[in-house]
Amino acid sequence: MTEVFVKHYTELTADELYDLLALRAEVFVVEQNCAYLDPDGVDKVSWHVWLRDERGLAGCLRVYGRNGVRIGRVVVRYRREGLGTRLMAEGIRAAREKLAAREILISAQQYAQPFYERSGFVRCTDPYLEDGIPHVGMRWRDNGPSE
């Protein structure tokens, strides 16, 4: 069974923060071979959303309000199991509930654009490089009450 957690940075335990940062480093720094400074100060003003199952931390993201409401650092440990789709749905829910979001922006790795489109995001920028990786800006807009 997959559990969902949503906590503001100020509510995280040291172990929870460690696990979130470790997963991000595992995928973004090691797997994608991208040297960048992950602790960028944004975590401290973010709501952190993560999934945990019997294997441990399965995926995480952060939601924050900086130049609009944004979702970032989206990562799943186990791919092709629907966890990314579930994580994005929970991230959108958290953005709506915690930050009253009617619009959400993301900076998506370009190869993942179809994944984000399935969650309702639409590309809104030309491709650009971020940390040497092609990205596109994408936007999600609230289309009224959810059912």
Protein backbone atom coordinates (compact mmCIF):
# COMPACT_ATOMS: atom_id res chain seq x y z
CA MET A 1 0.00 0.00 0.00
CA THR A 2 1.33 3.44 -0.95
CA GLU A 3 0.99 6.20 1.63
CA VAL A 4 1.02 9.92 0.80
CA PHE A 5 2.69 12.50 3.02
CA VAL A 6 2.45 16.29 2.76
CA LYS A 7 4.48 18.40 5.16
CA HIS A 8 5.87 21.88 5.19
CA TYR A 9 9.64 22.09 5.62
CA THR A 10 9.14 23.30 9.19
CA GLU A 11 7.29 20.05 10.00
CA LEU A 12 9.83 17.60 8.54
CA THR A 13 11.86 15.39 10.82
CA ALA A 14 15.60 15.18 10.24
CA ASP A 15 15.17 11.63 8.89
CA GLU A 16 12.42 12.67 6.47
CA LEU A 17 14.50 15.55 5.11
CA TYR A 18 17.53 13.29 4.79
CA ASP A 19 15.52 10.68 2.84
CA LEU A 20 14.08 13.31 0.45
CA LEU A 21 17.47 14.88 -0.24
CA ALA A 22 19.11 11.45 -0.64
CA LEU A 23 16.58 10.35 -3.26
CA ARG A 24 16.99 13.61 -5.18
CA ALA A 25 20.79 13.25 -5.13
CA GLU A 26 20.53 9.59 -6.18
CA VAL A 27 18.55 10.46 -9.31
CA PHE A 28 19.42 14.03 -10.27
CA VAL A 29 23.12 14.10 -9.34
CA VAL A 30 24.30 10.48 -9.63
CA GLU A 31 21.97 8.82 -12.17
CA GLN A 32 21.70 11.87 -14.45
CA ASN A 33 25.35 12.79 -13.89
CA CYS A 34 24.50 16.43 -13.21
CA ALA A 35 26.57 18.35 -10.70
CA TYR A 36 24.40 21.11 -9.26
CA LEU A 37 23.60 22.56 -5.85
CA ASP A 38 20.37 20.84 -4.80
CA PRO A 39 19.97 22.66 -1.44
CA ASP A 40 18.97 25.97 -3.03
CA GLY A 41 16.99 27.54 -0.19
CA VAL A 42 13.63 26.75 -1.79
CA ASP A 43 13.08 23.65 0.35
CA LYS A 44 12.73 25.90 3.40
CA VAL A 45 9.63 27.59 1.95
CA SER A 46 8.14 24.48 0.36
CA TRP A 47 5.49 21.90 1.03
CA HIS A 48 7.07 18.48 0.51
CA VAL A 49 4.95 15.69 -0.95
CA TRP A 50 6.14 12.11 -0.96
CA LEU A 51 5.01 8.56 -1.46
CA ARG A 52 6.13 5.70 0.73
CA ASP A 53 5.39 2.02 0.24
CA GLU A 54 6.69 -1.26 1.66
CA ARG A 55 10.02 -0.62 -0.12
CA GLY A 56 10.49 2.80 1.51
CA LEU A 57 10.51 6.24 -0.07
CA ALA A 58 9.08 5.82 -3.58
CA GLY A 59 9.01 9.41 -4.87
CA CYS A 60 8.87 13.04 -3.87
CA LEU A 61 8.38 16.60 -5.06
CA ARG A 62 8.12 20.07 -3.59
CA VAL A 63 5.43 22.74 -3.97
CA TYR A 64 6.17 26.40 -3.36
CA GLY A 65 5.05 29.91 -4.17
CA ARG A 66 7.86 31.85 -5.81
CA ASN A 67 6.97 33.85 -8.92
CA GLY A 68 3.70 31.92 -8.97
CA VAL A 69 2.95 28.49 -7.55
CA ARG A 70 5.47 25.92 -8.68
CA ILE A 71 6.13 22.21 -8.45
CA GLY A 72 9.73 21.11 -8.61
CA ARG A 73 12.25 18.39 -7.88
CA VAL A 74 9.83 15.69 -9.09
CA VAL A 75 11.46 12.29 -8.73
CA VAL A 76 10.39 8.67 -8.38
CA ARG A 77 12.62 5.77 -7.43
CA TYR A 78 10.54 3.06 -9.15
CA ARG A 79 9.51 3.83 -12.71
CA ARG A 80 6.73 2.48 -14.90
CA GLU A 81 4.53 1.66 -11.89
CA GLY A 82 2.23 4.69 -12.02
CA LEU A 83 3.98 6.32 -9.06
CA GLY A 84 4.89 9.45 -11.03
CA THR A 85 1.29 9.98 -12.08
CA ARG A 86 0.10 9.51 -8.50
CA LEU A 87 2.82 11.82 -7.18
CA MET A 88 1.87 14.59 -9.64
CA ALA A 89 -1.81 14.28 -8.73
CA GLU A 90 -0.90 14.63 -5.04
CA GLY A 91 1.40 17.56 -5.83
CA ILE A 92 -1.38 19.37 -7.69
CA ARG A 93 -3.76 18.64 -4.82
CA ALA A 94 -1.25 20.05 -2.31
CA ALA A 95 -0.70 23.17 -4.44
CA ARG A 96 -4.45 23.76 -4.56
CA GLU A 97 -5.04 23.07 -0.85
CA LYS A 98 -1.96 24.68 0.70
CA LEU A 99 -1.35 27.59 -1.71
CA ALA A 100 -4.80 28.06 -3.30
CA ALA A 101 -3.22 27.45 -6.70
CA ARG A 102 -5.31 28.04 -9.80
CA GLU A 103 -2.20 27.83 -11.96
CA ILE A 104 1.00 25.82 -11.44
CA LEU A 105 4.30 26.21 -13.25
CA ILE A 106 7.04 23.65 -13.69
CA SER A 107 10.45 23.55 -15.31
CA ALA A 108 10.35 20.11 -16.93
CA GLN A 109 13.18 18.14 -18.41
CA GLN A 110 12.27 18.17 -22.10
CA TYR A 111 12.23 14.38 -22.47
CA ALA A 112 9.55 14.23 -19.72
CA GLN A 113 7.16 16.66 -21.42
CA PRO A 114 4.69 13.89 -22.42
CA PHE A 115 4.58 12.67 -18.80
CA TYR A 116 3.61 16.13 -17.53
CA GLU A 117 1.11 16.59 -20.34
CA ARG A 118 -0.73 13.51 -19.02
CA SER A 119 -1.15 15.41 -15.73
CA GLY A 120 -2.68 18.39 -17.54
CA PHE A 121 0.41 20.57 -18.06
CA VAL A 122 0.91 22.46 -21.33
CA ARG A 123 4.25 23.64 -22.64
CA CYS A 124 4.54 27.43 -22.42
CA THR A 125 8.18 28.16 -23.34
CA ASP A 126 10.73 27.30 -25.94
CA PRO A 127 13.35 24.75 -24.85
CA TYR A 128 16.20 26.09 -22.69
CA LEU A 129 19.18 24.64 -20.86
CA GLU A 130 19.10 24.29 -17.09
CA ASP A 131 22.20 22.75 -15.52
CA GLY A 132 23.18 21.57 -19.01
CA ILE A 133 19.92 19.61 -19.50
CA PRO A 134 17.22 20.66 -22.02
CA HIS A 135 14.09 21.87 -20.22
CA VAL A 136 10.74 23.45 -21.12
CA GLY A 137 8.45 25.60 -19.04
CA MET A 138 4.99 24.10 -18.55
CA ARG A 139 1.77 25.38 -17.01
CA TRP A 140 -1.25 23.70 -15.40
CA ARG A 141 -4.48 25.64 -15.00
CA ASP A 142 -7.46 24.84 -12.83
CA ASN A 143 -10.49 24.14 -14.98
CA GLY A 144 -13.06 24.49 -12.24
CA PRO A 145 -14.22 22.31 -9.35
CA SER A 146 -12.82 18.81 -9.18
CA GLU A 147 -15.17 15.88 -8.85
